Amino acid sequence: MSNINSVLFVCLGNICRSPTAEAVFRGLLNERGLSIVCDSAGTSDYHEGEGPDRRARQAGERRGLDFSDIRARGVRDDDFERFDLILAADKANLRDLRVRCPAQYQSKLALMLSFLDEGEREVPDPYYGGDAGFEQVLDLLQQSCEKLLSQIAK
């Protein structure tokens, strides 16, 4: 996995889970002095151009994460070629990506939490819940992104 130079994080609307994953991953890259391109997108473009959900931003900013230049966008056809790894928040988004993704790029698709040894495999959608859901998402993504970076560094 050492040939990973770019990662795309994907959820449904690109306002909660995937921008949080992008901010977590960027923070870890900055801490470690690594240069890997990362971005986030949604399988839908409902929120095109909007910033991340206020609750996601607040939870992340309390942990020192930066969301300032993150804006929602839909997955584009060229993302499948452009990114080395495309990580979906849950099985529904992974299924949507598999339908759109050309055959030669299918191996780039995985779940965001697939790097964890055990426990959750899908990032729960905190949008309709309370603040605790955003904290749980941060915890899961922090763990998974750390494991991902460890695998990339090997």
Protein backbone atom coordinates (compact mmCIF):
# COMPACT_ATOMS: atom_id res chain seq x y z
CA MET A 1 0.00 0.00 0.00
CA SER A 2 3.05 2.26 -0.10
CA ASN A 3 2.12 3.56 -3.57
CA ILE A 4 -0.83 5.61 -2.26
CA ASN A 5 -0.37 9.28 -3.19
CA SER A 6 -4.00 10.39 -3.13
CA VAL A 7 -7.12 9.49 -1.13
CA LEU A 8 -10.76 10.46 -1.67
CA PHE A 9 -13.24 10.11 1.21
CA VAL A 10 -16.90 9.67 0.17
CA CYS A 11 -20.25 9.78 1.97
CA LEU A 12 -23.75 10.65 0.78
CA GLY A 13 -23.90 14.45 0.96
CA ASN A 14 -20.28 15.36 1.69
CA ILE A 15 -21.20 17.51 4.70
CA CYS A 16 -20.59 15.22 7.73
CA ARG A 17 -18.58 12.04 7.47
CA SER A 18 -16.39 12.53 4.41
CA PRO A 19 -15.30 16.11 5.19
CA THR A 20 -14.56 14.99 8.74
CA ALA A 21 -12.43 12.14 7.36
CA GLU A 22 -10.63 14.61 5.09
CA ALA A 23 -9.93 16.98 8.00
CA VAL A 24 -8.72 14.11 10.24
CA PHE A 25 -6.47 12.73 7.50
CA ARG A 26 -5.03 16.17 6.69
CA GLY A 27 -4.32 16.77 10.37
CA LEU A 28 -2.44 13.48 10.62
CA LEU A 29 -0.51 14.24 7.41
CA ASN A 30 0.52 17.64 8.81
CA GLU A 31 1.57 16.12 12.14
CA ARG A 32 3.76 13.58 10.36
CA GLY A 33 5.08 15.89 7.65
CA LEU A 34 3.64 13.70 4.89
CA SER A 35 2.41 14.84 1.49
CA ILE A 36 -0.59 12.89 0.22
CA VAL A 37 -3.37 14.53 -1.76
CA CYS A 38 -6.75 14.12 -0.08
CA ASP A 39 -10.24 15.34 -0.81
CA SER A 40 -13.83 14.44 -0.04
CA ALA A 41 -16.99 14.10 -2.10
CA GLY A 42 -20.55 12.83 -1.96
CA THR A 43 -22.38 10.21 -3.98
CA SER A 44 -25.04 12.92 -4.29
CA ASP A 45 -24.52 16.60 -4.99
CA TYR A 46 -27.37 17.88 -2.80
CA HIS A 47 -25.04 20.22 -0.90
CA GLU A 48 -22.70 21.27 -3.73
CA GLY A 49 -20.56 24.23 -2.63
CA GLU A 50 -21.66 24.17 1.03
CA GLY A 51 -19.26 23.91 3.94
CA PRO A 52 -19.38 20.98 6.36
CA ASP A 53 -22.26 20.65 8.81
CA ARG A 54 -21.90 23.06 11.73
CA ARG A 55 -21.94 20.22 14.28
CA ALA A 56 -19.22 18.28 12.43
CA ARG A 57 -17.08 21.44 12.24
CA GLN A 58 -17.55 22.26 15.91
CA ALA A 59 -16.69 18.74 17.05
CA GLY A 60 -13.62 18.65 14.82
CA GLU A 61 -12.43 22.14 15.67
CA ARG A 62 -12.53 21.25 19.37
CA ARG A 63 -9.89 18.65 18.43
CA GLY A 64 -7.85 21.13 16.42
CA LEU A 65 -9.03 20.12 12.95
CA ASP A 66 -9.26 22.64 10.10
CA PHE A 67 -12.35 22.62 7.86
CA SER A 68 -11.88 26.10 6.38
CA ASP A 69 -11.32 25.15 2.74
CA ILE A 70 -13.58 22.11 2.55
CA ARG A 71 -16.67 22.48 0.32
CA ALA A 72 -19.18 19.81 -0.65
CA ARG A 73 -19.05 18.36 -4.13
CA GLY A 74 -20.31 15.30 -5.89
CA VAL A 75 -18.08 12.45 -7.02
CA ARG A 76 -16.87 13.13 -10.57
CA ASP A 77 -16.08 10.52 -13.21
CA ASP A 78 -12.40 11.54 -13.28
CA ASP A 79 -12.08 10.89 -9.51
CA PHE A 80 -11.86 7.16 -10.22
CA GLU A 81 -8.73 7.65 -12.28
CA ARG A 82 -7.28 10.54 -10.27
CA PHE A 83 -7.31 9.01 -6.77
CA ASP A 84 -5.28 5.97 -5.68
CA LEU A 85 -7.73 5.05 -2.92
CA ILE A 86 -11.45 5.90 -2.68
CA LEU A 87 -12.98 5.25 0.73
CA ALA A 88 -16.74 5.11 1.31
CA ALA A 89 -18.35 5.83 4.67
CA ASP A 90 -20.78 2.92 4.45
CA LYS A 91 -21.90 -0.02 2.32
CA ALA A 92 -24.63 1.97 0.56
CA ASN A 93 -22.14 4.58 -0.66
CA LEU A 94 -19.65 1.86 -1.57
CA ARG A 95 -22.35 0.16 -3.64
CA ASP A 96 -23.13 3.46 -5.42
CA LEU A 97 -19.44 3.97 -6.14
CA ARG A 98 -19.08 0.41 -7.50
CA VAL A 99 -21.94 1.05 -9.95
CA ARG A 100 -20.27 4.20 -11.31
CA CYS A 101 -16.66 3.09 -11.18
CA PRO A 102 -15.04 1.76 -14.37
CA ALA A 103 -13.89 -1.87 -14.07
CA GLN A 104 -10.18 -1.03 -14.16
CA TYR A 105 -10.51 1.13 -11.00
CA GLN A 106 -12.73 -1.11 -8.84
CA SER A 107 -9.73 -2.21 -6.76
CA LYS A 108 -9.34 1.37 -5.49
CA LEU A 109 -12.68 1.21 -3.62
CA ALA A 110 -12.99 0.28 0.06
CA LEU A 111 -14.78 1.27 3.27
CA MET A 112 -13.29 4.05 5.41
CA LEU A 113 -13.17 1.78 8.45
CA SER A 114 -11.71 -1.22 6.64
CA PHE A 115 -8.33 -0.47 8.26
CA LEU A 116 -9.61 -1.17 11.78
CA ASP A 117 -8.82 -4.60 13.19
CA GLU A 118 -12.27 -5.06 14.70
CA GLY A 119 -15.51 -3.30 15.54
CA GLU A 120 -17.45 -0.97 13.27
CA ARG A 121 -17.11 -1.35 9.53
CA GLU A 122 -19.41 1.52 8.57
CA VAL A 123 -19.19 5.11 9.74
CA PRO A 124 -22.60 5.85 11.29
CA ASP A 125 -24.35 8.90 9.84
CA PRO A 126 -24.62 11.46 12.66
CA TYR A 127 -26.75 13.94 10.69
CA TYR A 128 -30.10 13.20 12.35
CA GLY A 129 -28.68 12.51 15.82
CA GLY A 130 -27.11 14.54 18.58
CA ASP A 131 -23.61 15.82 19.26
CA ALA A 132 -22.41 12.46 20.60
CA GLY A 133 -22.74 10.99 17.10
CA PHE A 134 -20.25 13.51 15.72
CA GLU A 135 -17.80 12.66 18.49
CA GLN A 136 -18.18 8.93 17.74
CA VAL A 137 -17.52 9.59 14.02
CA LEU A 138 -14.37 11.51 14.92
CA ASP A 139 -13.13 8.70 17.17
CA LEU A 140 -13.70 6.06 14.48
CA LEU A 141 -12.13 8.12 11.71
CA GLN A 142 -9.13 9.05 13.83
CA GLN A 143 -8.41 5.38 14.52
CA SER A 144 -8.94 4.28 10.94
CA CYS A 145 -6.92 7.12 9.38
CA GLU A 146 -4.02 6.41 11.75
CA LYS A 147 -4.07 2.73 10.70
CA LEU A 148 -4.29 3.72 7.04
CA LEU A 149 -1.25 5.98 7.34
CA SER A 150 0.67 3.23 9.12
CA GLN A 151 -0.08 0.86 6.23
CA ILE A 152 0.91 3.48 3.65
CA ALA A 153 4.20 4.11 5.46
CA LYS A 154 5.16 0.39 5.37
